[in-house]
């Protein structure tokens, strides 16, 4: 399937009309495909734009919907909603992997299901919708797929995982946890980080994110879930 055919299929399946279908075509082109086919454009610039649009729309919705919540709460909720995990879940709901244009090697190695690629492509699609249809349509698309996630997150436990983990450790030990960035991949404007959280030089868990802070939060969340911390402190 060509990139244009893939874009048309996505637009038809999701009942979106575009003035410039080339924008959606670009949104679905992974850098590996562009490099392999000597195509000049890929979805990284649209991803950069879509990330900003997504942040704004979620922040705007939170501000308008939850007037009783303080800035710190809104920040934590937004971080949980726009993180890689939530975007991957959205990508799977709209079956974005089906339309992706990947290089042969990336496709054969499982790129169509790779979390970072799926999350990045969702942001690129948002960027394309924003450029072609405007902010209102981009907002409608985002909230159609994330509104329930926002409400669920806001009504649930969105506490800072790092703070919670630190409180647990400090209540039982003189030591404290520390974090280390284990790896970072991707171009400067779209990096992906893996962080490790340690106690007494023992690795408790690792977490991935699109920023160092997000990776550390995800690592802390996993450390709370996997129970290793309680074994060490007991």
C-alpha atoms as a PDB file:
ATOM      1  CA  UNK A   1       0.000   0.000   0.000  1.00  0.00           C
ATOM      2  CA  UNK A   2       1.306   3.456  -0.871  1.00  0.00           C
ATOM      3  CA  UNK A   3       1.512   6.229   1.720  1.00  0.00           C
ATOM      4  CA  UNK A   4      -1.330   8.078  -0.036  1.00  0.00           C
ATOM      5  CA  UNK A   5      -3.548   4.984  -0.065  1.00  0.00           C
ATOM      6  CA  UNK A   6      -2.802   4.397   3.605  1.00  0.00           C
ATOM      7  CA  UNK A   7      -3.706   8.000   4.428  1.00  0.00           C
ATOM      8  CA  UNK A   8      -6.954   7.764   2.471  1.00  0.00           C
ATOM      9  CA  UNK A   9      -7.849   4.530   4.248  1.00  0.00           C
ATOM     10  CA  UNK A  10      -7.275   6.172   7.641  1.00  0.00           C
ATOM     11  CA  UNK A  11      -9.374   9.204   6.727  1.00  0.00           C
ATOM     12  CA  UNK A  12     -12.223   7.069   5.386  1.00  0.00           C
ATOM     13  CA  UNK A  13     -12.186   4.646   8.317  1.00  0.00           C
ATOM     14  CA  UNK A  14     -12.280   7.502  10.829  1.00  0.00           C
ATOM     15  CA  UNK A  15     -14.705   9.678   8.835  1.00  0.00           C
ATOM     16  CA  UNK A  16     -12.327  12.652   8.581  1.00  0.00           C
ATOM     17  CA  UNK A  17     -12.324  14.895   5.528  1.00  0.00           C
ATOM     18  CA  UNK A  18      -9.072  16.589   4.539  1.00  0.00           C
ATOM     19  CA  UNK A  19      -8.319  19.446   2.165  1.00  0.00           C
ATOM     20  CA  UNK A  20      -4.678  18.367   1.835  1.00  0.00           C
ATOM     21  CA  UNK A  21      -4.464  14.593   2.088  1.00  0.00           C
ATOM     22  CA  UNK A  22      -0.686  14.808   1.743  1.00  0.00           C
ATOM     23  CA  UNK A  23      -0.540  16.027   5.340  1.00  0.00           C
ATOM     24  CA  UNK A  24      -2.100  12.808   6.613  1.00  0.00           C
ATOM     25  CA  UNK A  25       0.151  10.802   4.328  1.00  0.00           C
ATOM     26  CA  UNK A  26       3.177  12.481   5.913  1.00  0.00           C
ATOM     27  CA  UNK A  27       1.815  11.882   9.418  1.00  0.00           C
ATOM     28  CA  UNK A  28       1.907   8.140   8.787  1.00  0.00           C
ATOM     29  CA  UNK A  29       5.431   8.005   7.351  1.00  0.00           C
ATOM     30  CA  UNK A  30       7.971   6.753   9.880  1.00  0.00           C
ATOM     31  CA  UNK A  31      11.576   7.919   9.359  1.00  0.00           C
ATOM     32  CA  UNK A  32      12.633   4.345   8.542  1.00  0.00           C
ATOM     33  CA  UNK A  33      10.268   4.303   5.542  1.00  0.00           C
ATOM     34  CA  UNK A  34      11.426   7.725   4.359  1.00  0.00           C
ATOM     35  CA  UNK A  35      15.068   6.676   4.565  1.00  0.00           C
ATOM     36  CA  UNK A  36      14.512   3.363   2.821  1.00  0.00           C
ATOM     37  CA  UNK A  37      12.451   4.878  -0.003  1.00  0.00           C
ATOM     38  CA  UNK A  38      14.475   8.121  -0.264  1.00  0.00           C
ATOM     39  CA  UNK A  39      11.348  10.077   0.613  1.00  0.00           C
ATOM     40  CA  UNK A  40      12.076  13.660   1.621  1.00  0.00           C
ATOM     41  CA  UNK A  41       9.526  13.959   4.438  1.00  0.00           C
ATOM     42  CA  UNK A  42       8.580  11.946   7.510  1.00  0.00           C
ATOM     43  CA  UNK A  43       6.260  12.474  10.462  1.00  0.00           C
ATOM     44  CA  UNK A  44       8.718  13.944  12.977  1.00  0.00           C
ATOM     45  CA  UNK A  45       7.854  17.611  12.395  1.00  0.00           C
ATOM     46  CA  UNK A  46       4.132  16.866  12.598  1.00  0.00           C
ATOM     47  CA  UNK A  47       4.799  14.899  15.782  1.00  0.00           C
ATOM     48  CA  UNK A  48       6.474  17.961  17.287  1.00  0.00           C
ATOM     49  CA  UNK A  49       3.452  20.108  16.443  1.00  0.00           C
ATOM     50  CA  UNK A  50       0.911  17.508  17.530  1.00  0.00           C
ATOM     51  CA  UNK A  51       2.596  17.153  20.913  1.00  0.00           C
ATOM     52  CA  UNK A  52       2.075  20.875  21.555  1.00  0.00           C
ATOM     53  CA  UNK A  53      -1.550  20.790  20.354  1.00  0.00           C
ATOM     54  CA  UNK A  54      -2.275  17.757  22.543  1.00  0.00           C
ATOM     55  CA  UNK A  55      -0.783  19.441  25.611  1.00  0.00           C
ATOM     56  CA  UNK A  56      -2.858  22.570  25.008  1.00  0.00           C
ATOM     57  CA  UNK A  57      -6.153  20.780  24.401  1.00  0.00           C
ATOM     58  CA  UNK A  58      -5.824  18.599  27.492  1.00  0.00           C
ATOM     59  CA  UNK A  59      -4.753  21.584  29.621  1.00  0.00           C
ATOM     60  CA  UNK A  60      -7.663  23.664  28.311  1.00  0.00           C
ATOM     61  CA  UNK A  61     -10.155  20.882  28.999  1.00  0.00           C
ATOM     62  CA  UNK A  62      -8.831  20.355  32.525  1.00  0.00           C
ATOM     63  CA  UNK A  63      -8.940  24.077  33.263  1.00  0.00           C
ATOM     64  CA  UNK A  64     -12.527  24.393  32.103  1.00  0.00           C
ATOM     65  CA  UNK A  65     -13.880  21.112  33.484  1.00  0.00           C
ATOM     66  CA  UNK A  66     -12.173  20.961  36.892  1.00  0.00           C
ATOM     67  CA  UNK A  67     -12.350  24.454  38.348  1.00  0.00           C
ATOM     68  CA  UNK A  68     -11.974  23.035  41.862  1.00  0.00           C
ATOM     69  CA  UNK A  69      -8.521  21.546  41.274  1.00  0.00           C
ATOM     70  CA  UNK A  70      -5.287  23.382  41.983  1.00  0.00           C
ATOM     71  CA  UNK A  71      -2.520  23.928  39.422  1.00  0.00           C
ATOM     72  CA  UNK A  72      -0.438  21.097  40.852  1.00  0.00           C
ATOM     73  CA  UNK A  73      -3.296  18.625  40.496  1.00  0.00           C
ATOM     74  CA  UNK A  74      -4.012  19.742  36.932  1.00  0.00           C
ATOM     75  CA  UNK A  75      -0.345  19.311  36.032  1.00  0.00           C
ATOM     76  CA  UNK A  76      -0.239  15.777  37.412  1.00  0.00           C
ATOM     77  CA  UNK A  77      -3.464  14.780  35.656  1.00  0.00           C
ATOM     78  CA  UNK A  78      -2.241  16.171  32.340  1.00  0.00           C
ATOM     79  CA  UNK A  79       1.043  14.291  32.698  1.00  0.00           C
ATOM     80  CA  UNK A  80      -0.859  11.031  33.185  1.00  0.00           C
ATOM     81  CA  UNK A  81      -3.088  11.700  30.165  1.00  0.00           C
ATOM     82  CA  UNK A  82      -0.452  12.726  27.618  1.00  0.00           C
ATOM     83  CA  UNK A  83       2.128  10.105  28.613  1.00  0.00           C
ATOM     84  CA  UNK A  84       3.277   7.361  26.267  1.00  0.00           C
ATOM     85  CA  UNK A  85       1.079   4.718  27.931  1.00  0.00           C
ATOM     86  CA  UNK A  86      -2.133   6.679  27.319  1.00  0.00           C
ATOM     87  CA  UNK A  87      -1.137   7.535  23.752  1.00  0.00           C
ATOM     88  CA  UNK A  88      -0.361   3.901  22.976  1.00  0.00           C
ATOM     89  CA  UNK A  89      -3.777   2.896  24.278  1.00  0.00           C
ATOM     90  CA  UNK A  90      -5.309   5.540  22.016  1.00  0.00           C
ATOM     91  CA  UNK A  91      -3.195   4.313  19.090  1.00  0.00           C
ATOM     92  CA  UNK A  92      -4.507   0.804  19.600  1.00  0.00           C
ATOM     93  CA  UNK A  93      -8.110   1.997  19.822  1.00  0.00           C
ATOM     94  CA  UNK A  94      -7.835   3.738  16.453  1.00  0.00           C
ATOM     95  CA  UNK A  95      -5.672   0.917  15.073  1.00  0.00           C
ATOM     96  CA  UNK A  96      -2.928   3.324  13.974  1.00  0.00           C
ATOM     97  CA  UNK A  97      -0.454   0.493  13.392  1.00  0.00           C
ATOM     98  CA  UNK A  98      -2.545  -0.710  10.456  1.00  0.00           C
ATOM     99  CA  UNK A  99      -1.857   2.492   8.508  1.00  0.00           C
ATOM    100  CA  UNK A 100       1.802   3.056   9.415  1.00  0.00           C
ATOM    101  CA  UNK A 101       4.368   3.291   6.643  1.00  0.00           C
ATOM    102  CA  UNK A 102       7.515   1.606   7.989  1.00  0.00           C
ATOM    103  CA  UNK A 103      10.821   0.566   6.531  1.00  0.00           C
ATOM    104  CA  UNK A 104      11.073  -3.162   5.899  1.00  0.00           C
ATOM    105  CA  UNK A 105      13.553  -3.755   8.701  1.00  0.00           C
ATOM    106  CA  UNK A 106      11.525  -1.749  11.221  1.00  0.00           C
ATOM    107  CA  UNK A 107       8.357  -3.548  10.198  1.00  0.00           C
ATOM    108  CA  UNK A 108       9.939  -6.995  10.486  1.00  0.00           C
ATOM    109  CA  UNK A 109      11.344  -6.199  13.935  1.00  0.00           C
ATOM    110  CA  UNK A 110       7.910  -5.360  15.340  1.00  0.00           C
ATOM    111  CA  UNK A 111       7.854  -1.624  14.736  1.00  0.00           C
ATOM    112  CA  UNK A 112       4.140  -1.683  13.985  1.00  0.00           C
ATOM    113  CA  UNK A 113       3.532  -2.505  17.648  1.00  0.00           C
ATOM    114  CA  UNK A 114       6.429  -0.530  19.153  1.00  0.00           C
ATOM    115  CA  UNK A 115       5.082   1.788  21.829  1.00  0.00           C
ATOM    116  CA  UNK A 116       7.268   4.790  21.051  1.00  0.00           C
ATOM    117  CA  UNK A 117       6.370   4.626  17.339  1.00  0.00           C
ATOM    118  CA  UNK A 118       2.642   4.325  18.041  1.00  0.00           C
ATOM    119  CA  UNK A 119       2.657   7.253  20.478  1.00  0.00           C
ATOM    120  CA  UNK A 120       4.688   9.426  18.114  1.00  0.00           C
ATOM    121  CA  UNK A 121       2.354   8.651  15.214  1.00  0.00           C
ATOM    122  CA  UNK A 122      -0.726   9.629  17.221  1.00  0.00           C
ATOM    123  CA  UNK A 123       0.876  13.014  17.856  1.00  0.00           C
ATOM    124  CA  UNK A 124       1.768  13.369  14.168  1.00  0.00           C
ATOM    125  CA  UNK A 125      -1.845  12.620  13.187  1.00  0.00           C
ATOM    126  CA  UNK A 126      -3.028  15.276  15.643  1.00  0.00           C
ATOM    127  CA  UNK A 127      -0.577  17.726  14.088  1.00  0.00           C
ATOM    128  CA  UNK A 128      -1.878  16.944  10.603  1.00  0.00           C
ATOM    129  CA  UNK A 129      -5.514  17.387  11.655  1.00  0.00           C
ATOM    130  CA  UNK A 130      -4.650  20.710  13.293  1.00  0.00           C
ATOM    131  CA  UNK A 131      -2.924  22.056  10.176  1.00  0.00           C
ATOM    132  CA  UNK A 132      -5.619  20.892   7.768  1.00  0.00           C
ATOM    133  CA  UNK A 133      -8.809  21.298   9.794  1.00  0.00           C
ATOM    134  CA  UNK A 134      -7.917  23.748  12.553  1.00  0.00           C
ATOM    135  CA  UNK A 135      -7.914  23.667  16.332  1.00  0.00           C
ATOM    136  CA  UNK A 136     -11.624  22.863  16.764  1.00  0.00           C
ATOM    137  CA  UNK A 137     -11.344  19.669  14.733  1.00  0.00           C
ATOM    138  CA  UNK A 138      -8.099  18.698  16.455  1.00  0.00           C
ATOM    139  CA  UNK A 139      -9.783  19.260  19.801  1.00  0.00           C
ATOM    140  CA  UNK A 140     -12.779  17.125  18.765  1.00  0.00           C
ATOM    141  CA  UNK A 141     -10.482  14.298  17.650  1.00  0.00           C
ATOM    142  CA  UNK A 142      -8.415  14.388  20.845  1.00  0.00           C
ATOM    143  CA  UNK A 143     -11.372  14.532  23.208  1.00  0.00           C
ATOM    144  CA  UNK A 144     -13.273  11.857  21.288  1.00  0.00           C
ATOM    145  CA  UNK A 145     -10.522   9.415  22.194  1.00  0.00           C
ATOM    146  CA  UNK A 146      -9.149  10.834  25.454  1.00  0.00           C
ATOM    147  CA  UNK A 147     -12.041  12.527  27.263  1.00  0.00           C
ATOM    148  CA  UNK A 148     -12.972   9.396  29.192  1.00  0.00           C
ATOM    149  CA  UNK A 149      -9.304   8.883  30.098  1.00  0.00           C
ATOM    150  CA  UNK A 150      -9.063  12.460  31.387  1.00  0.00           C
ATOM    151  CA  UNK A 151     -12.182  12.118  33.532  1.00  0.00           C
ATOM    152  CA  UNK A 152     -11.130   8.718  34.870  1.00  0.00           C
ATOM    153  CA  UNK A 153      -7.668  10.015  35.716  1.00  0.00           C
ATOM    154  CA  UNK A 154      -9.012  13.150  37.399  1.00  0.00           C
ATOM    155  CA  UNK A 155     -11.378  11.108  39.566  1.00  0.00           C
ATOM    156  CA  UNK A 156      -8.772   8.512  40.460  1.00  0.00           C
ATOM    157  CA  UNK A 157      -5.325   8.352  42.011  1.00  0.00           C
ATOM    158  CA  UNK A 158      -3.020  10.654  40.093  1.00  0.00           C
ATOM    159  CA  UNK A 159      -0.566  11.317  42.920  1.00  0.00           C
ATOM    160  CA  UNK A 160       3.064  11.879  42.090  1.00  0.00           C
ATOM    161  CA  UNK A 161       4.594   8.371  42.113  1.00  0.00           C
ATOM    162  CA  UNK A 162       8.039   9.703  42.993  1.00  0.00           C
ATOM    163  CA  UNK A 163       6.713  11.517  46.061  1.00  0.00           C
ATOM    164  CA  UNK A 164       4.747   8.479  47.196  1.00  0.00           C
ATOM    165  CA  UNK A 165       7.740   6.179  46.784  1.00  0.00           C
ATOM    166  CA  UNK A 166       9.949   8.610  48.686  1.00  0.00           C
ATOM    167  CA  UNK A 167       7.442   8.800  51.556  1.00  0.00           C
ATOM    168  CA  UNK A 168       7.335   4.999  51.837  1.00  0.00           C
ATOM    169  CA  UNK A 169      11.113   4.685  51.870  1.00  0.00           C
ATOM    170  CA  UNK A 170      11.722   7.533  54.315  1.00  0.00           C
ATOM    171  CA  UNK A 171       9.189   6.052  56.737  1.00  0.00           C
ATOM    172  CA  UNK A 172      11.168   2.803  56.907  1.00  0.00           C
ATOM    173  CA  UNK A 173      14.784   3.622  56.097  1.00  0.00           C
ATOM    174  CA  UNK A 174      17.498   6.252  56.443  1.00  0.00           C
ATOM    175  CA  UNK A 175      18.358   5.696  52.799  1.00  0.00           C
ATOM    176  CA  UNK A 176      16.501   7.232  49.897  1.00  0.00           C
ATOM    177  CA  UNK A 177      15.830   6.259  46.325  1.00  0.00           C
ATOM    178  CA  UNK A 178      17.712   7.840  43.451  1.00  0.00           C
ATOM    179  CA  UNK A 179      17.165   7.900  39.719  1.00  0.00           C
ATOM    180  CA  UNK A 180      19.450   7.388  36.756  1.00  0.00           C
ATOM    181  CA  UNK A 181      18.785   7.791  33.045  1.00  0.00           C
ATOM    182  CA  UNK A 182      19.809   4.445  31.589  1.00  0.00           C
ATOM    183  CA  UNK A 183      19.320   5.254  27.915  1.00  0.00           C
ATOM    184  CA  UNK A 184      17.936   7.830  25.536  1.00  0.00           C
ATOM    185  CA  UNK A 185      17.024   7.369  21.889  1.00  0.00           C
ATOM    186  CA  UNK A 186      15.562   9.408  19.064  1.00  0.00           C
ATOM    187  CA  UNK A 187      16.231  12.834  17.559  1.00  0.00           C
ATOM    188  CA  UNK A 188      16.713  15.893  19.745  1.00  0.00           C
ATOM    189  CA  UNK A 189      13.106  17.083  19.423  1.00  0.00           C
ATOM    190  CA  UNK A 190      11.528  13.662  20.036  1.00  0.00           C
ATOM    191  CA  UNK A 191      13.695  11.700  22.454  1.00  0.00           C
ATOM    192  CA  UNK A 192      12.610   8.665  24.425  1.00  0.00           C
ATOM    193  CA  UNK A 193      14.202   8.041  27.822  1.00  0.00           C
ATOM    194  CA  UNK A 194      14.552   4.992  30.053  1.00  0.00           C
ATOM    195  CA  UNK A 195      15.112   5.732  33.738  1.00  0.00           C
ATOM    196  CA  UNK A 196      15.980   3.407  36.580  1.00  0.00           C
ATOM    197  CA  UNK A 197      15.042   3.918  40.222  1.00  0.00           C
ATOM    198  CA  UNK A 198      17.540   2.554  42.767  1.00  0.00           C
ATOM    199  CA  UNK A 199      17.688   1.947  46.508  1.00  0.00           C
ATOM    200  CA  UNK A 200      21.006   0.996  48.114  1.00  0.00           C
ATOM    201  CA  UNK A 201      22.388   0.603  44.579  1.00  0.00           C
ATOM    202  CA  UNK A 202      19.754  -2.029  43.815  1.00  0.00           C
ATOM    203  CA  UNK A 203      17.585  -1.461  40.752  1.00  0.00           C
ATOM    204  CA  UNK A 204      13.926  -1.432  41.757  1.00  0.00           C
ATOM    205  CA  UNK A 205      12.350  -0.822  38.359  1.00  0.00           C
ATOM    206  CA  UNK A 206      12.768   0.952  35.045  1.00  0.00           C
ATOM    207  CA  UNK A 207      10.367   3.252  33.255  1.00  0.00           C
ATOM    208  CA  UNK A 208      10.159   4.810  29.805  1.00  0.00           C
ATOM    209  CA  UNK A 209       8.950   8.274  28.853  1.00  0.00           C
ATOM    210  CA  UNK A 210       9.184  11.135  26.407  1.00  0.00           C
ATOM    211  CA  UNK A 211      10.976  13.236  29.022  1.00  0.00           C
ATOM    212  CA  UNK A 212      13.363  12.374  31.836  1.00  0.00           C
ATOM    213  CA  UNK A 213      10.729  13.326  34.411  1.00  0.00           C
ATOM    214  CA  UNK A 214       8.098  11.111  32.796  1.00  0.00           C
ATOM    215  CA  UNK A 215      10.531   8.191  32.638  1.00  0.00           C
ATOM    216  CA  UNK A 216      11.360   8.648  36.329  1.00  0.00           C
ATOM    217  CA  UNK A 217       7.660   8.843  37.258  1.00  0.00           C
ATOM    218  CA  UNK A 218       6.957   5.636  35.347  1.00  0.00           C
ATOM    219  CA  UNK A 219       9.910   3.915  37.015  1.00  0.00           C
ATOM    220  CA  UNK A 220       8.625   4.963  40.442  1.00  0.00           C
ATOM    221  CA  UNK A 221       5.133   3.743  39.553  1.00  0.00           C
ATOM    222  CA  UNK A 222       6.465   0.339  38.557  1.00  0.00           C
ATOM    223  CA  UNK A 223       8.523   0.149  41.750  1.00  0.00           C
ATOM    224  CA  UNK A 224       5.347   0.729  43.755  1.00  0.00           C
ATOM    225  CA  UNK A 225       3.494  -1.940  41.793  1.00  0.00           C
ATOM    226  CA  UNK A 226       6.068  -4.729  41.698  1.00  0.00           C
ATOM    227  CA  UNK A 227       6.505  -5.002  45.475  1.00  0.00           C
ATOM    228  CA  UNK A 228      10.328  -5.159  45.346  1.00  0.00           C
ATOM    229  CA  UNK A 229      10.624  -2.067  47.523  1.00  0.00           C
ATOM    230  CA  UNK A 230       8.761  -3.726  50.394  1.00  0.00           C
ATOM    231  CA  UNK A 231      10.975  -6.802  50.186  1.00  0.00           C
ATOM    232  CA  UNK A 232      14.101  -4.648  50.513  1.00  0.00           C
ATOM    233  CA  UNK A 233      12.678  -2.578  53.390  1.00  0.00           C
ATOM    234  CA  UNK A 234      11.240  -5.518  55.341  1.00  0.00           C
END
